[in-house]
Amino acid sequence: MTIHVPFPDDQMAALRRKAEGLGVEVEKYISDLVARELQRPQSLNEVLAGFREQVAASGISDEELDELFIASRKEIAV
């Protein structure tokens, strides 16, 4: 599959320099960047993003959220 992605001139120049430094074509360098990004594990921020959105939308206070977690931990410990 081929896609066309516009890059500002300064970014394209930087991509070319990086690719040349590695001895590969710029297309291969970009393809490798995308492949690495897709394979990397999610950060904790990424994992929790949906949960944080739900909490914010719920209107629950920090204190109520703390109480919910404390109650859940107690439930599990029993």
Protein backbone atom coordinates (compact mmCIF):
# COMPACT_ATOMS: atom_id res chain seq x y z
CA MET A 1 0.00 0.00 0.00
CA THR A 2 1.22 3.47 -0.77
CA ILE A 3 0.15 6.63 1.02
CA HIS A 4 1.11 10.23 0.45
CA VAL A 5 1.88 12.29 3.52
CA PRO A 6 2.80 15.95 3.21
CA PHE A 7 5.75 17.03 5.35
CA PRO A 8 6.99 20.59 5.86
CA ASP A 9 10.31 21.23 4.10
CA ASP A 10 12.29 21.30 7.36
CA GLN A 11 10.90 17.93 8.47
CA MET A 12 11.54 16.39 5.06
CA ALA A 13 15.12 17.61 5.17
CA ALA A 14 15.59 16.12 8.64
CA LEU A 15 14.08 12.81 7.50
CA ARG A 16 16.44 12.72 4.52
CA ARG A 17 19.47 13.42 6.75
CA LYS A 18 18.46 10.67 9.18
CA ALA A 19 17.87 8.18 6.37
CA GLU A 20 21.18 9.04 4.70
CA GLY A 21 22.96 8.64 8.03
CA LEU A 22 21.56 5.13 8.26
CA GLY A 23 22.28 4.35 4.62
CA VAL A 24 18.65 3.76 3.66
CA GLU A 25 16.11 5.45 1.41
CA VAL A 26 13.84 7.96 3.13
CA GLU A 27 10.79 5.78 2.34
CA LYS A 28 12.38 2.83 4.16
CA TYR A 29 13.33 5.03 7.10
CA ILE A 30 9.75 6.33 7.45
CA SER A 31 8.32 2.82 7.06
CA ASP A 32 10.66 1.58 9.81
CA LEU A 33 9.60 4.48 12.08
CA VAL A 34 5.94 3.57 11.63
CA ALA A 35 6.63 -0.13 12.23
CA ARG A 36 8.51 0.62 15.48
CA GLU A 37 5.73 2.91 16.69
CA LEU A 38 3.11 0.24 16.04
CA GLN A 39 5.13 -2.38 17.91
CA ARG A 40 5.99 -0.37 21.01
CA PRO A 41 4.01 -1.01 24.18
CA GLN A 42 1.51 1.62 25.19
CA SER A 43 2.57 4.10 27.83
CA LEU A 44 0.66 4.27 31.10
CA ASN A 45 -0.84 7.59 29.94
CA GLU A 46 -2.14 5.90 26.79
CA VAL A 47 -3.54 2.95 28.73
CA LEU A 48 -5.33 5.21 31.21
CA ALA A 49 -6.57 7.82 28.71
CA GLY A 50 -10.02 6.25 28.26
CA PHE A 51 -10.47 5.76 31.99
CA ARG A 52 -9.49 9.37 32.68
CA GLU A 53 -12.01 10.59 30.11
CA GLN A 54 -14.76 8.50 31.71
CA VAL A 55 -13.92 9.79 35.18
CA ALA A 56 -13.91 13.39 33.97
CA ALA A 57 -17.25 12.90 32.18
CA SER A 58 -18.81 11.27 35.25
CA GLY A 59 -18.30 14.34 37.41
CA ILE A 60 -17.02 12.18 40.29
CA SER A 61 -14.81 14.05 42.73
CA ASP A 62 -11.26 12.99 43.59
CA GLU A 63 -12.45 12.07 47.08
CA GLU A 64 -15.26 9.89 45.69
CA LEU A 65 -12.82 8.19 43.32
CA ASP A 66 -10.44 7.53 46.22
CA GLU A 67 -13.28 6.01 48.23
CA LEU A 68 -14.27 3.83 45.28
CA PHE A 69 -10.71 2.49 44.96
CA ILE A 70 -10.39 1.92 48.72
CA ALA A 71 -13.68 0.01 48.78
CA SER A 72 -12.62 -2.06 45.77
CA ARG A 73 -9.29 -2.97 47.38
CA LYS A 74 -11.08 -4.00 50.57
CA GLU A 75 -13.47 -6.13 48.54
CA ILE A 76 -10.60 -7.92 46.81
CA ALA A 77 -8.69 -8.46 50.07
CA VAL A 78 -11.62 -10.27 51.69
